[in-house]
């Protein structure tokens, strides 16, 4: 079973509230999950303490068991210091092209 740490949406229409959960990767986004690992409330200000709450020991347990992390949750874990350098930038827009160009330039300097 492939376990993934990801967000499960809750809340009312236009009032999102997310649970950070460990779930089987094949289960629906808001469906069955194995364990609740934290919460994310995007309606709170960015510096609010309750915006993102994490159960660090259980997250570390699931990571040790080989759980994969979604991009958004990876950002939360990086910011909390649980993981490092796991942020993935996806996209095909102008910003993604700039990021790819910077990364290629940095690698070229490192190899030179």
PDB file of N, CA and C in Angstrom:
ATOM      1  N   UNK A   1       0.843  -1.172   0.000  1.00  0.00           N
ATOM      2  CA  UNK A   1       0.000   0.000   0.000  1.00  0.00           C
ATOM      3  C   UNK A   1       0.889   1.237   0.000  1.00  0.00           C
ATOM      4  N   UNK A   2       0.644   2.141  -0.929  1.00  0.00           N
ATOM      5  CA  UNK A   2       1.404   3.392  -1.025  1.00  0.00           C
ATOM      6  C   UNK A   2       0.715   4.451  -0.172  1.00  0.00           C
ATOM      7  N   UNK A   3       1.409   4.902   0.864  1.00  0.00           N
ATOM      8  CA  UNK A   3       0.850   5.900   1.773  1.00  0.00           C
ATOM      9  C   UNK A   3       1.325   7.275   1.344  1.00  0.00           C
ATOM     10  N   UNK A   4       0.422   8.230   1.406  1.00  0.00           N
ATOM     11  CA  UNK A   4       0.729   9.599   1.022  1.00  0.00           C
ATOM     12  C   UNK A   4       0.241  10.537   2.108  1.00  0.00           C
ATOM     13  N   UNK A   5       1.075  11.498   2.480  1.00  0.00           N
ATOM     14  CA  UNK A   5       0.676  12.533   3.428  1.00  0.00           C
ATOM     15  C   UNK A   5       0.192  13.706   2.595  1.00  0.00           C
ATOM     16  N   UNK A   6      -1.088  14.048   2.746  1.00  0.00           N
ATOM     17  CA  UNK A   6      -1.694  15.054   1.881  1.00  0.00           C
ATOM     18  C   UNK A   6      -2.804  15.796   2.615  1.00  0.00           C
ATOM     19  N   UNK A   7      -3.428  16.745   1.914  1.00  0.00           N
ATOM     20  CA  UNK A   7      -4.515  17.524   2.481  1.00  0.00           C
ATOM     21  C   UNK A   7      -5.856  16.893   2.122  1.00  0.00           C
ATOM     22  N   UNK A   8      -6.791  16.928   3.075  1.00  0.00           N
ATOM     23  CA  UNK A   8      -8.173  16.512   2.840  1.00  0.00           C
ATOM     24  C   UNK A   8      -9.047  17.719   3.155  1.00  0.00           C
ATOM     25  N   UNK A   9      -9.853  18.158   2.197  1.00  0.00           N
ATOM     26  CA  UNK A   9     -10.611  19.388   2.360  1.00  0.00           C
ATOM     27  C   UNK A   9     -11.869  19.164   3.174  1.00  0.00           C
ATOM     28  N   UNK A  10     -12.157  20.143   3.996  1.00  0.00           N
ATOM     29  CA  UNK A  10     -13.388  20.163   4.757  1.00  0.00           C
ATOM     30  C   UNK A  10     -13.913  21.587   4.744  1.00  0.00           C
ATOM     31  N   UNK A  11     -14.870  21.887   5.596  1.00  0.00           N
ATOM     32  CA  UNK A  11     -15.398  23.238   5.658  1.00  0.00           C
ATOM     33  C   UNK A  11     -16.522  23.447   4.665  1.00  0.00           C
ATOM     34  N   UNK A  12     -17.076  24.653   4.715  1.00  0.00           N
ATOM     35  CA  UNK A  12     -18.202  24.990   3.860  1.00  0.00           C
ATOM     36  C   UNK A  12     -17.718  25.590   2.541  1.00  0.00           C
ATOM     37  N   UNK A  13     -18.676  25.873   1.686  1.00  0.00           N
ATOM     38  CA  UNK A  13     -18.372  26.497   0.402  1.00  0.00           C
ATOM     39  C   UNK A  13     -17.701  27.849   0.629  1.00  0.00           C
ATOM     40  N   UNK A  14     -16.594  28.069  -0.022  1.00  0.00           N
ATOM     41  CA  UNK A  14     -15.784  29.294   0.083  1.00  0.00           C
ATOM     42  C   UNK A  14     -15.212  29.526   1.484  1.00  0.00           C
ATOM     43  N   UNK A  15     -15.233  28.519   2.341  1.00  0.00           N
ATOM     44  CA  UNK A  15     -14.650  28.589   3.685  1.00  0.00           C
ATOM     45  C   UNK A  15     -13.821  27.330   3.910  1.00  0.00           C
ATOM     46  N   UNK A  16     -12.713  27.173   3.179  1.00  0.00           N
ATOM     47  CA  UNK A  16     -11.976  25.908   3.240  1.00  0.00           C
ATOM     48  C   UNK A  16     -11.281  25.694   4.578  1.00  0.00           C
ATOM     49  N   UNK A  17     -11.164  24.442   4.933  1.00  0.00           N
ATOM     50  CA  UNK A  17     -10.435  24.000   6.114  1.00  0.00           C
ATOM     51  C   UNK A  17      -9.865  22.636   5.740  1.00  0.00           C
ATOM     52  N   UNK A  18      -8.604  22.418   5.998  1.00  0.00           N
ATOM     53  CA  UNK A  18      -7.960  21.193   5.559  1.00  0.00           C
ATOM     54  C   UNK A  18      -7.419  20.394   6.735  1.00  0.00           C
ATOM     55  N   UNK A  19      -7.515  19.073   6.631  1.00  0.00           N
ATOM     56  CA  UNK A  19      -6.830  18.170   7.547  1.00  0.00           C
ATOM     57  C   UNK A  19      -5.607  17.645   6.830  1.00  0.00           C
ATOM     58  N   UNK A  20      -4.507  17.536   7.543  1.00  0.00           N
ATOM     59  CA  UNK A  20      -3.321  16.894   6.987  1.00  0.00           C
ATOM     60  C   UNK A  20      -3.419  15.440   7.422  1.00  0.00           C
ATOM     61  N   UNK A  21      -3.484  14.542   6.441  1.00  0.00           N
ATOM     62  CA  UNK A  21      -3.755  13.140   6.739  1.00  0.00           C
ATOM     63  C   UNK A  21      -2.751  12.225   6.056  1.00  0.00           C
ATOM     64  N   UNK A  22      -2.603  11.053   6.623  1.00  0.00           N
ATOM     65  CA  UNK A  22      -1.887   9.954   5.973  1.00  0.00           C
ATOM     66  C   UNK A  22      -2.969   9.062   5.382  1.00  0.00           C
ATOM     67  N   UNK A  23      -2.911   8.871   4.068  1.00  0.00           N
ATOM     68  CA  UNK A  23      -3.953   8.108   3.387  1.00  0.00           C
ATOM     69  C   UNK A  23      -3.339   7.223   2.325  1.00  0.00           C
ATOM     70  N   UNK A  24      -4.058   6.176   1.979  1.00  0.00           N
ATOM     71  CA  UNK A  24      -3.675   5.346   0.840  1.00  0.00           C
ATOM     72  C   UNK A  24      -3.771   6.227  -0.402  1.00  0.00           C
ATOM     73  N   UNK A  25      -2.784   6.169  -1.256  1.00  0.00           N
ATOM     74  CA  UNK A  25      -2.745   7.057  -2.417  1.00  0.00           C
ATOM     75  C   UNK A  25      -3.917   6.817  -3.371  1.00  0.00           C
ATOM     76  N   UNK A  26      -4.550   5.655  -3.290  1.00  0.00           N
ATOM     77  CA  UNK A  26      -5.666   5.345  -4.185  1.00  0.00           C
ATOM     78  C   UNK A  26      -7.008   5.825  -3.650  1.00  0.00           C
ATOM     79  N   UNK A  27      -7.075   6.235  -2.383  1.00  0.00           N
ATOM     80  CA  UNK A  27      -8.342   6.670  -1.811  1.00  0.00           C
ATOM     81  C   UNK A  27      -8.674   8.091  -2.253  1.00  0.00           C
ATOM     82  N   UNK A  28      -9.940   8.467  -2.263  1.00  0.00           N
ATOM     83  CA  UNK A  28     -10.341   9.804  -2.702  1.00  0.00           C
ATOM     84  C   UNK A  28      -9.759  10.899  -1.809  1.00  0.00           C
ATOM     85  N   UNK A  29      -9.668  12.110  -2.352  1.00  0.00           N
ATOM     86  CA  UNK A  29      -9.059  13.227  -1.634  1.00  0.00           C
ATOM     87  C   UNK A  29      -9.689  13.432  -0.259  1.00  0.00           C
ATOM     88  N   UNK A  30     -11.013  13.448  -0.195  1.00  0.00           N
ATOM     89  CA  UNK A  30     -11.703  13.680   1.067  1.00  0.00           C
ATOM     90  C   UNK A  30     -12.239  12.393   1.670  1.00  0.00           C
ATOM     91  N   UNK A  31     -11.781  11.275   1.168  1.00  0.00           N
ATOM     92  CA  UNK A  31     -12.310   9.985   1.602  1.00  0.00           C
ATOM     93  C   UNK A  31     -11.565   9.401   2.788  1.00  0.00           C
ATOM     94  N   UNK A  32     -11.503   8.085   2.801  1.00  0.00           N
ATOM     95  CA  UNK A  32     -10.918   7.352   3.912  1.00  0.00           C
ATOM     96  C   UNK A  32      -9.438   7.672   4.077  1.00  0.00           C
ATOM     97  N   UNK A  33      -9.001   7.816   5.323  1.00  0.00           N
ATOM     98  CA  UNK A  33      -7.591   8.049   5.599  1.00  0.00           C
ATOM     99  C   UNK A  33      -7.156   7.184   6.763  1.00  0.00           C
ATOM    100  N   UNK A  34      -5.859   7.029   6.920  1.00  0.00           N
ATOM    101  CA  UNK A  34      -5.320   6.164   7.970  1.00  0.00           C
ATOM    102  C   UNK A  34      -5.192   6.898   9.303  1.00  0.00           C
ATOM    103  N   UNK A  35      -4.743   8.160   9.244  1.00  0.00           N
ATOM    104  CA  UNK A  35      -4.518   8.908  10.475  1.00  0.00           C
ATOM    105  C   UNK A  35      -4.507  10.399  10.189  1.00  0.00           C
ATOM    106  N   UNK A  36      -5.073  11.170  11.111  1.00  0.00           N
ATOM    107  CA  UNK A  36      -5.040  12.627  11.005  1.00  0.00           C
ATOM    108  C   UNK A  36      -3.739  13.114  11.641  1.00  0.00           C
ATOM    109  N   UNK A  37      -2.966  13.909  10.885  1.00  0.00           N
ATOM    110  CA  UNK A  37      -1.648  14.343  11.341  1.00  0.00           C
ATOM    111  C   UNK A  37      -1.566  15.838  11.641  1.00  0.00           C
ATOM    112  N   UNK A  38      -2.592  16.589  11.311  1.00  0.00           N
ATOM    113  CA  UNK A  38      -2.568  18.022  11.581  1.00  0.00           C
ATOM    114  C   UNK A  38      -3.685  18.719  10.853  1.00  0.00           C
ATOM    115  N   UNK A  39      -3.643  20.066  10.891  1.00  0.00           N
ATOM    116  CA  UNK A  39      -4.661  20.867  10.233  1.00  0.00           C
ATOM    117  C   UNK A  39      -4.024  22.054   9.534  1.00  0.00           C
ATOM    118  N   UNK A  40      -4.766  22.620   8.596  1.00  0.00           N
ATOM    119  CA  UNK A  40      -4.349  23.832   7.882  1.00  0.00           C
ATOM    120  C   UNK A  40      -5.596  24.673   7.650  1.00  0.00           C
ATOM    121  N   UNK A  41      -5.567  25.910   8.161  1.00  0.00           N
ATOM    122  CA  UNK A  41      -6.683  26.820   7.988  1.00  0.00           C
ATOM    123  C   UNK A  41      -6.206  28.024   7.191  1.00  0.00           C
ATOM    124  N   UNK A  42      -6.433  28.059   5.877  1.00  0.00           N
ATOM    125  CA  UNK A  42      -5.914  29.145   5.043  1.00  0.00           C
ATOM    126  C   UNK A  42      -6.599  30.482   5.282  1.00  0.00           C
ATOM    127  N   UNK A  43      -7.701  30.508   6.020  1.00  0.00           N
ATOM    128  CA  UNK A  43      -8.401  31.759   6.275  1.00  0.00           C
ATOM    129  C   UNK A  43      -7.736  32.585   7.375  1.00  0.00           C
ATOM    130  N   UNK A  44      -6.889  31.966   8.171  1.00  0.00           N
ATOM    131  CA  UNK A  44      -6.180  32.692   9.222  1.00  0.00           C
ATOM    132  C   UNK A  44      -5.013  33.466   8.624  1.00  0.00           C
ATOM    133  N   UNK A  45      -4.566  34.543   9.276  1.00  0.00           N
ATOM    134  CA  UNK A  45      -3.398  35.290   8.770  1.00  0.00           C
ATOM    135  C   UNK A  45      -2.154  34.401   8.737  1.00  0.00           C
ATOM    136  N   UNK A  46      -1.198  34.746   7.884  1.00  0.00           N
ATOM    137  CA  UNK A  46      -0.003  33.934   7.690  1.00  0.00           C
ATOM    138  C   UNK A  46       0.833  33.744   8.934  1.00  0.00           C
ATOM    139  N   UNK A  47       0.789  34.683   9.883  1.00  0.00           N
ATOM    140  CA  UNK A  47       1.610  34.565  11.079  1.00  0.00           C
ATOM    141  C   UNK A  47       0.848  33.962  12.257  1.00  0.00           C
ATOM    142  N   UNK A  48      -0.399  33.551  12.055  1.00  0.00           N
ATOM    143  CA  UNK A  48      -1.192  32.963  13.136  1.00  0.00           C
ATOM    144  C   UNK A  48      -0.647  31.592  13.512  1.00  0.00           C
ATOM    145  N   UNK A  49      -0.614  31.315  14.805  1.00  0.00           N
ATOM    146  CA  UNK A  49      -0.058  30.052  15.295  1.00  0.00           C
ATOM    147  C   UNK A  49      -0.910  28.854  14.892  1.00  0.00           C
ATOM    148  N   UNK A  50      -2.223  29.023  14.810  1.00  0.00           N
ATOM    149  CA  UNK A  50      -3.125  27.915  14.497  1.00  0.00           C
ATOM    150  C   UNK A  50      -3.361  27.728  13.004  1.00  0.00           C
ATOM    151  N   UNK A  51      -2.668  28.492  12.145  1.00  0.00           N
ATOM    152  CA  UNK A  51      -2.842  28.340  10.693  1.00  0.00           C
ATOM    153  C   UNK A  51      -2.442  26.936  10.255  1.00  0.00           C
ATOM    154  N   UNK A  52      -1.295  26.465  10.723  1.00  0.00           N
ATOM    155  CA  UNK A  52      -0.844  25.106  10.423  1.00  0.00           C
ATOM    156  C   UNK A  52      -0.457  24.441  11.739  1.00  0.00           C
ATOM    157  N   UNK A  53      -1.091  23.324  12.047  1.00  0.00           N
ATOM    158  CA  UNK A  53      -0.712  22.546  13.226  1.00  0.00           C
ATOM    159  C   UNK A  53      -0.268  21.174  12.741  1.00  0.00           C
ATOM    160  N   UNK A  54       0.804  20.663  13.323  1.00  0.00           N
ATOM    161  CA  UNK A  54       1.374  19.381  12.894  1.00  0.00           C
ATOM    162  C   UNK A  54       1.641  18.493  14.100  1.00  0.00           C
ATOM    163  N   UNK A  55       1.375  17.203  13.951  1.00  0.00           N
ATOM    164  CA  UNK A  55       1.731  16.207  14.954  1.00  0.00           C
ATOM    165  C   UNK A  55       3.077  15.617  14.528  1.00  0.00           C
ATOM    166  N   UNK A  56       4.150  16.284  14.946  1.00  0.00           N
ATOM    167  CA  UNK A  56       5.491  15.968  14.446  1.00  0.00           C
ATOM    168  C   UNK A  56       5.918  14.518  14.664  1.00  0.00           C
ATOM    169  N   UNK A  57       5.730  13.924  15.854  1.00  0.00           N
ATOM    170  CA  UNK A  57       6.182  12.530  16.022  1.00  0.00           C
ATOM    171  C   UNK A  57       5.504  11.559  15.051  1.00  0.00           C
ATOM    172  N   UNK A  58       4.209  11.748  14.818  1.00  0.00           N
ATOM    173  CA  UNK A  58       3.500  10.839  13.919  1.00  0.00           C
ATOM    174  C   UNK A  58       3.888  11.073  12.457  1.00  0.00           C
ATOM    175  N   UNK A  59       4.148  12.323  12.101  1.00  0.00           N
ATOM    176  CA  UNK A  59       4.598  12.607  10.732  1.00  0.00           C
ATOM    177  C   UNK A  59       5.946  11.941  10.495  1.00  0.00           C
ATOM    178  N   UNK A  60       6.853  12.061  11.468  1.00  0.00           N
ATOM    179  CA  UNK A  60       8.166  11.412  11.337  1.00  0.00           C
ATOM    180  C   UNK A  60       8.001   9.896  11.213  1.00  0.00           C
ATOM    181  N   UNK A  61       7.069   9.322  11.972  1.00  0.00           N
ATOM    182  CA  UNK A  61       6.805   7.882  11.897  1.00  0.00           C
ATOM    183  C   UNK A  61       6.402   7.485  10.481  1.00  0.00           C
ATOM    184  N   UNK A  62       5.451   8.218   9.888  1.00  0.00           N
ATOM    185  CA  UNK A  62       4.994   7.867   8.554  1.00  0.00           C
ATOM    186  C   UNK A  62       6.086   8.077   7.516  1.00  0.00           C
ATOM    187  N   UNK A  63       6.912   9.109   7.693  1.00  0.00           N
ATOM    188  CA  UNK A  63       8.024   9.323   6.759  1.00  0.00           C
ATOM    189  C   UNK A  63       9.028   8.178   6.836  1.00  0.00           C
ATOM    190  N   UNK A  64       9.269   7.666   8.052  1.00  0.00           N
ATOM    191  CA  UNK A  64      10.165   6.519   8.215  1.00  0.00           C
ATOM    192  C   UNK A  64       9.600   5.270   7.559  1.00  0.00           C
ATOM    193  N   UNK A  65       8.262   5.172   7.508  1.00  0.00           N
ATOM    194  CA  UNK A  65       7.618   4.020   6.888  1.00  0.00           C
ATOM    195  C   UNK A  65       7.581   4.142   5.361  1.00  0.00           C
ATOM    196  N   UNK A  66       8.068   5.271   4.825  1.00  0.00           N
ATOM    197  CA  UNK A  66       8.153   5.434   3.383  1.00  0.00           C
ATOM    198  C   UNK A  66       7.014   6.221   2.760  1.00  0.00           C
ATOM    199  N   UNK A  67       6.268   6.954   3.562  1.00  0.00           N
ATOM    200  CA  UNK A  67       5.158   7.743   3.017  1.00  0.00           C
ATOM    201  C   UNK A  67       5.685   8.868   2.142  1.00  0.00           C
ATOM    202  N   UNK A  68       4.985   9.105   1.036  1.00  0.00           N
ATOM    203  CA  UNK A  68       5.305  10.213   0.145  1.00  0.00           C
ATOM    204  C   UNK A  68       4.522  11.434   0.607  1.00  0.00           C
ATOM    205  N   UNK A  69       5.039  12.619   0.293  1.00  0.00           N
ATOM    206  CA  UNK A  69       4.421  13.859   0.763  1.00  0.00           C
ATOM    207  C   UNK A  69       3.971  14.667  -0.445  1.00  0.00           C
ATOM    208  N   UNK A  70       2.772  15.255  -0.345  1.00  0.00           N
ATOM    209  CA  UNK A  70       2.298  16.124  -1.431  1.00  0.00           C
ATOM    210  C   UNK A  70       3.105  17.423  -1.416  1.00  0.00           C
ATOM    211  N   UNK A  71       3.062  18.175  -2.506  1.00  0.00           N
ATOM    212  CA  UNK A  71       3.852  19.397  -2.628  1.00  0.00           C
ATOM    213  C   UNK A  71       3.508  20.415  -1.550  1.00  0.00           C
ATOM    214  N   UNK A  72       2.233  20.657  -1.317  1.00  0.00           N
ATOM    215  CA  UNK A  72       1.830  21.655  -0.324  1.00  0.00           C
ATOM    216  C   UNK A  72       2.246  21.230   1.083  1.00  0.00           C
ATOM    217  N   UNK A  73       2.051  19.978   1.423  1.00  0.00           N
ATOM    218  CA  UNK A  73       2.442  19.504   2.752  1.00  0.00           C
ATOM    219  C   UNK A  73       3.962  19.540   2.897  1.00  0.00           C
ATOM    220  N   UNK A  74       4.695  19.291   1.815  1.00  0.00           N
ATOM    221  CA  UNK A  74       6.159  19.374   1.867  1.00  0.00           C
ATOM    222  C   UNK A  74       6.595  20.780   2.259  1.00  0.00           C
ATOM    223  N   UNK A  75       5.896  21.783   1.765  1.00  0.00           N
ATOM    224  CA  UNK A  75       6.224  23.164   2.145  1.00  0.00           C
ATOM    225  C   UNK A  75       5.989  23.394   3.633  1.00  0.00           C
ATOM    226  N   UNK A  76       4.900  22.855   4.146  1.00  0.00           N
ATOM    227  CA  UNK A  76       4.627  22.994   5.582  1.00  0.00           C
ATOM    228  C   UNK A  76       5.721  22.316   6.405  1.00  0.00           C
ATOM    229  N   UNK A  77       6.133  21.124   5.989  1.00  0.00           N
ATOM    230  CA  UNK A  77       7.144  20.375   6.734  1.00  0.00           C
ATOM    231  C   UNK A  77       8.502  21.064   6.662  1.00  0.00           C
ATOM    232  N   UNK A  78       8.832  21.657   5.518  1.00  0.00           N
ATOM    233  CA  UNK A  78      10.082  22.427   5.404  1.00  0.00           C
ATOM    234  C   UNK A  78      10.070  23.609   6.359  1.00  0.00           C
ATOM    235  N   UNK A  79       8.971  24.324   6.371  1.00  0.00           N
ATOM    236  CA  UNK A  79       8.866  25.506   7.230  1.00  0.00           C
ATOM    237  C   UNK A  79       8.937  25.125   8.713  1.00  0.00           C
ATOM    238  N   UNK A  80       8.411  23.955   9.066  1.00  0.00           N
ATOM    239  CA  UNK A  80       8.426  23.506  10.458  1.00  0.00           C
ATOM    240  C   UNK A  80       9.754  22.873  10.847  1.00  0.00           C
ATOM    241  N   UNK A  81      10.620  22.597   9.864  1.00  0.00           N
ATOM    242  CA  UNK A  81      11.916  22.000  10.159  1.00  0.00           C
ATOM    243  C   UNK A  81      11.899  20.484  10.251  1.00  0.00           C
ATOM    244  N   UNK A  82      10.820  19.850   9.850  1.00  0.00           N
ATOM    245  CA  UNK A  82      10.730  18.392   9.905  1.00  0.00           C
ATOM    246  C   UNK A  82      11.520  17.771   8.759  1.00  0.00           C
ATOM    247  N   UNK A  83      11.445  18.377   7.588  1.00  0.00           N
ATOM    248  CA  UNK A  83      12.225  17.935   6.436  1.00  0.00           C
ATOM    249  C   UNK A  83      12.996  19.128   5.889  1.00  0.00           C
ATOM    250  N   UNK A  84      13.876  18.865   4.942  1.00  0.00           N
ATOM    251  CA  UNK A  84      14.599  19.969   4.319  1.00  0.00           C
ATOM    252  C   UNK A  84      14.772  19.702   2.833  1.00  0.00           C
ATOM    253  N   UNK A  85      14.667  20.756   2.052  1.00  0.00           N
ATOM    254  CA  UNK A  85      14.868  20.718   0.601  1.00  0.00           C
ATOM    255  C   UNK A  85      13.954  19.730  -0.113  1.00  0.00           C
ATOM    256  N   UNK A  86      12.708  19.652   0.296  1.00  0.00           N
ATOM    257  CA  UNK A  86      11.778  18.754  -0.379  1.00  0.00           C
ATOM    258  C   UNK A  86      10.724  19.510  -1.166  1.00  0.00           C
ATOM    259  N   UNK A  87      10.838  20.827  -1.245  1.00  0.00           N
ATOM    260  CA  UNK A  87       9.834  21.613  -1.944  1.00  0.00           C
ATOM    261  C   UNK A  87      10.003  21.439  -3.446  1.00  0.00           C
ATOM    262  N   UNK A  88       8.919  21.109  -4.107  1.00  0.00           N
ATOM    263  CA  UNK A  88       8.913  20.924  -5.552  1.00  0.00           C
ATOM    264  C   UNK A  88       8.115  22.055  -6.173  1.00  0.00           C
ATOM    265  N   UNK A  89       8.654  22.680  -7.206  1.00  0.00           N
ATOM    266  CA  UNK A  89       7.937  23.732  -7.905  1.00  0.00           C
ATOM    267  C   UNK A  89       7.385  23.147  -9.191  1.00  0.00           C
ATOM    268  N   UNK A  90       6.079  23.099  -9.280  1.00  0.00           N
ATOM    269  CA  UNK A  90       5.437  22.582 -10.476  1.00  0.00           C
ATOM    270  C   UNK A  90       4.900  23.740 -11.294  1.00  0.00           C
ATOM    271  N   UNK A  91       4.618  23.492 -12.522  1.00  0.00           N
ATOM    272  CA  UNK A  91       3.974  24.485 -13.351  1.00  0.00           C
ATOM    273  C   UNK A  91       4.640  24.606 -14.700  1.00  0.00           C
ATOM    274  N   UNK A  92       3.955  25.289 -15.589  1.00  0.00           N
ATOM    275  CA  UNK A  92       4.470  25.490 -16.926  1.00  0.00           C
ATOM    276  C   UNK A  92       4.445  26.957 -17.308  1.00  0.00           C
ATOM    277  N   UNK A  93       4.126  27.831 -16.370  1.00  0.00           N
ATOM    278  CA  UNK A  93       4.007  29.249 -16.662  1.00  0.00           C
ATOM    279  C   UNK A  93       5.352  29.955 -16.697  1.00  0.00           C
ATOM    280  N   UNK A  94       5.288  31.274 -16.767  1.00  0.00           N
ATOM    281  CA  UNK A  94       6.478  32.107 -16.869  1.00  0.00           C
ATOM    282  C   UNK A  94       7.373  31.923 -15.645  1.00  0.00           C
ATOM    283  N   UNK A  95       6.794  31.880 -14.470  1.00  0.00           N
ATOM    284  CA  UNK A  95       7.565  31.725 -13.233  1.00  0.00           C
ATOM    285  C   UNK A  95       8.303  30.384 -13.214  1.00  0.00           C
ATOM    286  N   UNK A  96       7.663  29.332 -13.675  1.00  0.00           N
ATOM    287  CA  UNK A  96       8.306  28.018 -13.707  1.00  0.00           C
ATOM    288  C   UNK A  96       9.504  28.034 -14.649  1.00  0.00           C
ATOM    289  N   UNK A  97       9.392  28.747 -15.769  1.00  0.00           N
ATOM    290  CA  UNK A  97      10.511  28.848 -16.708  1.00  0.00           C
ATOM    291  C   UNK A  97      11.678  29.602 -16.078  1.00  0.00           C
ATOM    292  N   UNK A  98      11.384  30.652 -15.314  1.00  0.00           N
ATOM    293  CA  UNK A  98      12.440  31.406 -14.627  1.00  0.00           C
ATOM    294  C   UNK A  98      13.162  30.537 -13.603  1.00  0.00           C
ATOM    295  N   UNK A  99      12.395  29.765 -12.855  1.00  0.00           N
ATOM    296  CA  UNK A  99      12.980  28.881 -11.839  1.00  0.00           C
ATOM    297  C   UNK A  99      13.869  27.840 -12.505  1.00  0.00           C
ATOM    298  N   UNK A 100      13.408  27.257 -13.612  1.00  0.00           N
ATOM    299  CA  UNK A 100      14.197  26.253 -14.321  1.00  0.00           C
ATOM    300  C   UNK A 100      15.487  26.858 -14.868  1.00  0.00           C
ATOM    301  N   UNK A 101      15.414  28.096 -15.370  1.00  0.00           N
ATOM    302  CA  UNK A 101      16.604  28.765 -15.896  1.00  0.00           C
ATOM    303  C   UNK A 101      17.617  29.039 -14.790  1.00  0.00           C
ATOM    304  N   UNK A 102      17.140  29.490 -13.628  1.00  0.00           N
ATOM    305  CA  UNK A 102      18.033  29.736 -12.491  1.00  0.00           C
ATOM    306  C   UNK A 102      18.692  28.442 -12.026  1.00  0.00           C
ATOM    307  N   UNK A 103      17.919  27.373 -11.977  1.00  0.00           N
ATOM    308  CA  UNK A 103      18.453  26.082 -11.549  1.00  0.00           C
ATOM    309  C   UNK A 103      19.510  25.586 -12.518  1.00  0.00           C
ATOM    310  N   UNK A 104      19.263  25.739 -13.825  1.00  0.00           N
ATOM    311  CA  UNK A 104      20.238  25.307 -14.835  1.00  0.00           C
ATOM    312  C   UNK A 104      21.514  26.135 -14.740  1.00  0.00           C
ATOM    313  N   UNK A 105      21.388  27.447 -14.509  1.00  0.00           N
ATOM    314  CA  UNK A 105      22.554  28.313 -14.384  1.00  0.00           C
ATOM    315  C   UNK A 105      23.373  27.948 -13.150  1.00  0.00           C
ATOM    316  N   UNK A 106      22.694  27.644 -12.057  1.00  0.00           N
ATOM    317  CA  UNK A 106      23.398  27.264 -10.825  1.00  0.00           C
ATOM    318  C   UNK A 106      24.146  25.953 -11.010  1.00  0.00           C
ATOM    319  N   UNK A 107      23.528  24.992 -11.692  1.00  0.00           N
ATOM    320  CA  UNK A 107      24.194  23.710 -11.942  1.00  0.00           C
ATOM    321  C   UNK A 107      25.393  23.880 -12.878  1.00  0.00           C
ATOM    322  N   UNK A 108      25.271  24.776 -13.859  1.00  0.00           N
ATOM    323  CA  UNK A 108      26.374  25.023 -14.783  1.00  0.00           C
ATOM    324  C   UNK A 108      27.561  25.643 -14.050  1.00  0.00           C
ATOM    325  N   UNK A 109      27.282  26.563 -13.121  1.00  0.00           N
ATOM    326  CA  UNK A 109      28.361  27.166 -12.320  1.00  0.00           C
ATOM    327  C   UNK A 109      29.007  26.146 -11.409  1.00  0.00           C
ATOM    328  N   UNK A 110      28.211  25.255 -10.853  1.00  0.00           N
ATOM    329  CA  UNK A 110      28.749  24.240  -9.945  1.00  0.00           C
ATOM    330  C   UNK A 110      29.654  23.249 -10.693  1.00  0.00           C
ATOM    331  N   UNK A 111      29.273  22.931 -11.907  1.00  0.00           N
ATOM    332  CA  UNK A 111      30.050  21.971 -12.693  1.00  0.00           C
ATOM    333  C   UNK A 111      31.291  22.593 -13.355  1.00  0.00           C
ATOM    334  N   UNK A 112      31.278  23.905 -13.489  1.00  0.00           N
ATOM    335  CA  UNK A 112      32.409  24.579 -14.164  1.00  0.00           C
ATOM    336  C   UNK A 112      33.620  24.733 -13.270  1.00  0.00           C
TER     337      UNK A 112
END
